[in-house]
């Protein structure tokens, strides 16, 4: 059974130690998290909407047709490295997008490979088992996660 937070301001699932994947968060203070990652291009509230939290912005489009641009790939990779460092230091991180299935899971899967030395297969499986079988359903995002492992 997936461990899921069902508190009014956020709907999220624990996918790895201290790493949650969830849907767009309502503005507010979250006592459970140190960091919120905003991965939906269409949902980028101002940083002051999340008082006391570090806000990381990775504004991506969930596009099933076009691959991630070089800029988007660099943004995902650089910020996933930052998230991995936060996780390694004991911070609790919430990675979000509109539904909490693709963009947030993409970033989480890369961070999981880095922070927990997981394989791409293990990260994808763990996210799908704990968040949703539909997570990382964008084949271009799944391919990026697998390619990232090969490039490490």
C-alpha atoms as a PDB file:
ATOM      1  CA  UNK A   1       0.000   0.000   0.000  1.00  0.00           C
ATOM      2  CA  UNK A   2       1.396   3.389  -0.974  1.00  0.00           C
ATOM      3  CA  UNK A   3       2.161   5.776   1.846  1.00  0.00           C
ATOM      4  CA  UNK A   4       0.326   8.928   0.827  1.00  0.00           C
ATOM      5  CA  UNK A   5      -0.077  12.286   2.516  1.00  0.00           C
ATOM      6  CA  UNK A   6      -3.689  13.349   2.290  1.00  0.00           C
ATOM      7  CA  UNK A   7      -3.596  16.641   4.137  1.00  0.00           C
ATOM      8  CA  UNK A   8      -5.596  19.435   2.563  1.00  0.00           C
ATOM      9  CA  UNK A   9      -2.731  21.566   1.183  1.00  0.00           C
ATOM     10  CA  UNK A  10      -0.892  18.770  -0.640  1.00  0.00           C
ATOM     11  CA  UNK A  11      -1.475  15.294  -2.055  1.00  0.00           C
ATOM     12  CA  UNK A  12       1.800  13.385  -2.263  1.00  0.00           C
ATOM     13  CA  UNK A  13       3.368   9.936  -1.971  1.00  0.00           C
ATOM     14  CA  UNK A  14       6.627   8.921  -0.342  1.00  0.00           C
ATOM     15  CA  UNK A  15       8.753   7.427  -3.147  1.00  0.00           C
ATOM     16  CA  UNK A  16      12.126   7.252  -1.365  1.00  0.00           C
ATOM     17  CA  UNK A  17      13.442   8.264   2.056  1.00  0.00           C
ATOM     18  CA  UNK A  18      12.475  11.942   2.603  1.00  0.00           C
ATOM     19  CA  UNK A  19      11.405  12.302  -1.063  1.00  0.00           C
ATOM     20  CA  UNK A  20       7.743  12.803  -1.969  1.00  0.00           C
ATOM     21  CA  UNK A  21       6.106  13.147  -5.369  1.00  0.00           C
ATOM     22  CA  UNK A  22       2.817  14.997  -5.549  1.00  0.00           C
ATOM     23  CA  UNK A  23       0.403  17.158  -7.450  1.00  0.00           C
ATOM     24  CA  UNK A  24       0.441  20.956  -7.539  1.00  0.00           C
ATOM     25  CA  UNK A  25       0.652  22.258  -3.990  1.00  0.00           C
ATOM     26  CA  UNK A  26      -1.584  24.987  -2.722  1.00  0.00           C
ATOM     27  CA  UNK A  27       0.359  27.929  -1.343  1.00  0.00           C
ATOM     28  CA  UNK A  28       1.059  27.588   2.356  1.00  0.00           C
ATOM     29  CA  UNK A  29       3.437  26.474   5.065  1.00  0.00           C
ATOM     30  CA  UNK A  30       4.272  22.766   5.050  1.00  0.00           C
ATOM     31  CA  UNK A  31       5.757  21.501   8.268  1.00  0.00           C
ATOM     32  CA  UNK A  32       6.779  18.187   6.661  1.00  0.00           C
ATOM     33  CA  UNK A  33       8.979  19.613   3.919  1.00  0.00           C
ATOM     34  CA  UNK A  34      12.118  21.732   3.712  1.00  0.00           C
ATOM     35  CA  UNK A  35      12.041  22.039  -0.078  1.00  0.00           C
ATOM     36  CA  UNK A  36       9.342  22.171  -2.746  1.00  0.00           C
ATOM     37  CA  UNK A  37      10.173  21.531  -6.398  1.00  0.00           C
ATOM     38  CA  UNK A  38       7.766  23.107  -8.897  1.00  0.00           C
ATOM     39  CA  UNK A  39       8.011  21.142 -12.161  1.00  0.00           C
ATOM     40  CA  UNK A  40       4.828  22.246 -13.960  1.00  0.00           C
ATOM     41  CA  UNK A  41       5.421  25.155 -16.312  1.00  0.00           C
ATOM     42  CA  UNK A  42       1.774  26.147 -15.884  1.00  0.00           C
ATOM     43  CA  UNK A  43       1.991  26.179 -12.049  1.00  0.00           C
ATOM     44  CA  UNK A  44       4.760  28.462 -10.781  1.00  0.00           C
ATOM     45  CA  UNK A  45       3.410  30.406  -7.788  1.00  0.00           C
ATOM     46  CA  UNK A  46       5.757  32.968  -6.213  1.00  0.00           C
ATOM     47  CA  UNK A  47       8.319  31.736  -3.700  1.00  0.00           C
ATOM     48  CA  UNK A  48       6.710  33.715  -0.871  1.00  0.00           C
ATOM     49  CA  UNK A  49       3.669  31.441  -1.262  1.00  0.00           C
ATOM     50  CA  UNK A  50       5.726  28.746   0.512  1.00  0.00           C
ATOM     51  CA  UNK A  51       7.095  30.457   3.631  1.00  0.00           C
ATOM     52  CA  UNK A  52      10.068  28.821   5.293  1.00  0.00           C
ATOM     53  CA  UNK A  53      10.758  26.494   2.362  1.00  0.00           C
ATOM     54  CA  UNK A  54      13.394  26.407  -0.333  1.00  0.00           C
ATOM     55  CA  UNK A  55      11.647  26.618  -3.714  1.00  0.00           C
ATOM     56  CA  UNK A  56      13.272  24.984  -6.753  1.00  0.00           C
ATOM     57  CA  UNK A  57      11.784  25.777 -10.157  1.00  0.00           C
ATOM     58  CA  UNK A  58      12.017  23.370 -13.092  1.00  0.00           C
ATOM     59  CA  UNK A  59       9.232  24.622 -15.412  1.00  0.00           C
ATOM     60  CA  UNK A  60       8.637  21.715 -17.792  1.00  0.00           C
ATOM     61  CA  UNK A  61       5.939  20.923 -20.332  1.00  0.00           C
ATOM     62  CA  UNK A  62       4.578  17.350 -20.261  1.00  0.00           C
ATOM     63  CA  UNK A  63       4.867  16.847 -24.011  1.00  0.00           C
ATOM     64  CA  UNK A  64       4.458  13.362 -25.467  1.00  0.00           C
ATOM     65  CA  UNK A  65       5.609  14.503 -28.915  1.00  0.00           C
ATOM     66  CA  UNK A  66       8.776  16.569 -28.495  1.00  0.00           C
ATOM     67  CA  UNK A  67      11.801  15.428 -26.516  1.00  0.00           C
ATOM     68  CA  UNK A  68      13.137  17.556 -23.678  1.00  0.00           C
ATOM     69  CA  UNK A  69      15.216  20.417 -25.025  1.00  0.00           C
ATOM     70  CA  UNK A  70      18.910  20.597 -24.155  1.00  0.00           C
ATOM     71  CA  UNK A  71      18.097  23.444 -21.775  1.00  0.00           C
ATOM     72  CA  UNK A  72      15.359  21.403 -20.049  1.00  0.00           C
ATOM     73  CA  UNK A  73      17.670  18.395 -19.772  1.00  0.00           C
ATOM     74  CA  UNK A  74      20.365  20.543 -18.165  1.00  0.00           C
ATOM     75  CA  UNK A  75      17.813  22.120 -15.824  1.00  0.00           C
ATOM     76  CA  UNK A  76      16.483  18.720 -14.721  1.00  0.00           C
ATOM     77  CA  UNK A  77      19.955  17.265 -14.230  1.00  0.00           C
ATOM     78  CA  UNK A  78      21.424  20.235 -12.337  1.00  0.00           C
ATOM     79  CA  UNK A  79      18.432  20.558 -10.041  1.00  0.00           C
ATOM     80  CA  UNK A  80      18.234  16.800  -9.443  1.00  0.00           C
ATOM     81  CA  UNK A  81      21.853  16.994  -8.245  1.00  0.00           C
ATOM     82  CA  UNK A  82      20.853  19.780  -5.864  1.00  0.00           C
ATOM     83  CA  UNK A  83      17.871  17.767  -4.634  1.00  0.00           C
ATOM     84  CA  UNK A  84      20.116  14.724  -4.100  1.00  0.00           C
ATOM     85  CA  UNK A  85      22.445  16.856  -1.947  1.00  0.00           C
ATOM     86  CA  UNK A  86      19.469  18.092   0.077  1.00  0.00           C
ATOM     87  CA  UNK A  87      18.272  14.509   0.597  1.00  0.00           C
ATOM     88  CA  UNK A  88      21.765  13.390   1.615  1.00  0.00           C
ATOM     89  CA  UNK A  89      21.854  16.184   4.208  1.00  0.00           C
ATOM     90  CA  UNK A  90      18.559  15.007   5.726  1.00  0.00           C
ATOM     91  CA  UNK A  91      16.117  17.459   4.121  1.00  0.00           C
ATOM     92  CA  UNK A  92      12.607  16.374   3.174  1.00  0.00           C
ATOM     93  CA  UNK A  93      11.736  17.253  -0.437  1.00  0.00           C
ATOM     94  CA  UNK A  94       8.389  17.498  -2.247  1.00  0.00           C
ATOM     95  CA  UNK A  95       8.626  17.239  -6.056  1.00  0.00           C
ATOM     96  CA  UNK A  96       5.431  18.459  -7.735  1.00  0.00           C
ATOM     97  CA  UNK A  97       3.722  18.949 -11.077  1.00  0.00           C
ATOM     98  CA  UNK A  98       0.103  19.326 -12.159  1.00  0.00           C
ATOM     99  CA  UNK A  99      -0.994  15.741 -11.405  1.00  0.00           C
ATOM    100  CA  UNK A 100       2.154  14.456  -9.743  1.00  0.00           C
ATOM    101  CA  UNK A 101       2.788  11.727 -12.289  1.00  0.00           C
ATOM    102  CA  UNK A 102       5.270  12.699 -14.997  1.00  0.00           C
ATOM    103  CA  UNK A 103       7.367  15.842 -14.535  1.00  0.00           C
ATOM    104  CA  UNK A 104       7.675  15.515 -10.758  1.00  0.00           C
ATOM    105  CA  UNK A 105       8.452  11.807 -11.124  1.00  0.00           C
ATOM    106  CA  UNK A 106      11.085  12.545 -13.777  1.00  0.00           C
ATOM    107  CA  UNK A 107      12.967  14.842 -11.410  1.00  0.00           C
ATOM    108  CA  UNK A 108      12.515  12.439  -8.483  1.00  0.00           C
ATOM    109  CA  UNK A 109      13.814   9.458 -10.488  1.00  0.00           C
ATOM    110  CA  UNK A 110      17.014  11.297 -11.418  1.00  0.00           C
ATOM    111  CA  UNK A 111      17.483  12.484  -7.811  1.00  0.00           C
ATOM    112  CA  UNK A 112      16.921   8.921  -6.557  1.00  0.00           C
ATOM    113  CA  UNK A 113      19.651   7.607  -8.859  1.00  0.00           C
ATOM    114  CA  UNK A 114      22.048  10.190  -7.468  1.00  0.00           C
ATOM    115  CA  UNK A 115      21.124  10.261  -3.775  1.00  0.00           C
ATOM    116  CA  UNK A 116      20.468   6.560  -3.247  1.00  0.00           C
ATOM    117  CA  UNK A 117      22.644   5.043  -5.991  1.00  0.00           C
ATOM    118  CA  UNK A 118      19.585   3.418  -7.556  1.00  0.00           C
ATOM    119  CA  UNK A 119      19.347   2.060 -11.050  1.00  0.00           C
ATOM    120  CA  UNK A 120      16.891   3.654 -13.453  1.00  0.00           C
ATOM    121  CA  UNK A 121      14.768   0.488 -13.376  1.00  0.00           C
ATOM    122  CA  UNK A 122      14.625   0.498  -9.581  1.00  0.00           C
ATOM    123  CA  UNK A 123      13.775   4.213  -9.404  1.00  0.00           C
ATOM    124  CA  UNK A 124      11.004   3.890 -12.012  1.00  0.00           C
ATOM    125  CA  UNK A 125       9.572   0.762 -10.378  1.00  0.00           C
ATOM    126  CA  UNK A 126       9.638   2.309  -6.921  1.00  0.00           C
ATOM    127  CA  UNK A 127       7.885   5.477  -8.124  1.00  0.00           C
ATOM    128  CA  UNK A 128       5.215   3.467  -9.951  1.00  0.00           C
ATOM    129  CA  UNK A 129       4.636   1.208  -6.941  1.00  0.00           C
ATOM    130  CA  UNK A 130       4.433   4.044  -4.429  1.00  0.00           C
ATOM    131  CA  UNK A 131       2.902   6.890  -6.450  1.00  0.00           C
ATOM    132  CA  UNK A 132       0.889   5.446  -9.332  1.00  0.00           C
ATOM    133  CA  UNK A 133       1.281   2.847 -12.082  1.00  0.00           C
ATOM    134  CA  UNK A 134       0.712   5.830 -14.418  1.00  0.00           C
ATOM    135  CA  UNK A 135       3.764   7.695 -13.112  1.00  0.00           C
ATOM    136  CA  UNK A 136       6.458   8.337 -15.708  1.00  0.00           C
ATOM    137  CA  UNK A 137       3.934   7.446 -18.387  1.00  0.00           C
ATOM    138  CA  UNK A 138       5.542   9.912 -20.764  1.00  0.00           C
ATOM    139  CA  UNK A 139       7.869   7.645 -22.783  1.00  0.00           C
ATOM    140  CA  UNK A 140      10.267  10.532 -23.480  1.00  0.00           C
ATOM    141  CA  UNK A 141      10.693  11.153 -19.749  1.00  0.00           C
ATOM    142  CA  UNK A 142      11.189   7.461 -19.039  1.00  0.00           C
ATOM    143  CA  UNK A 143      13.824   7.302 -21.794  1.00  0.00           C
ATOM    144  CA  UNK A 144      15.600  10.324 -20.284  1.00  0.00           C
ATOM    145  CA  UNK A 145      15.725   8.571 -16.882  1.00  0.00           C
ATOM    146  CA  UNK A 146      17.199   5.445 -18.481  1.00  0.00           C
ATOM    147  CA  UNK A 147      19.676   7.433 -20.578  1.00  0.00           C
ATOM    148  CA  UNK A 148      20.786   9.383 -17.524  1.00  0.00           C
ATOM    149  CA  UNK A 149      21.811   6.123 -15.828  1.00  0.00           C
ATOM    150  CA  UNK A 150      23.916   5.140 -18.835  1.00  0.00           C
ATOM    151  CA  UNK A 151      25.615   8.540 -18.903  1.00  0.00           C
ATOM    152  CA  UNK A 152      26.512   8.562 -15.189  1.00  0.00           C
END
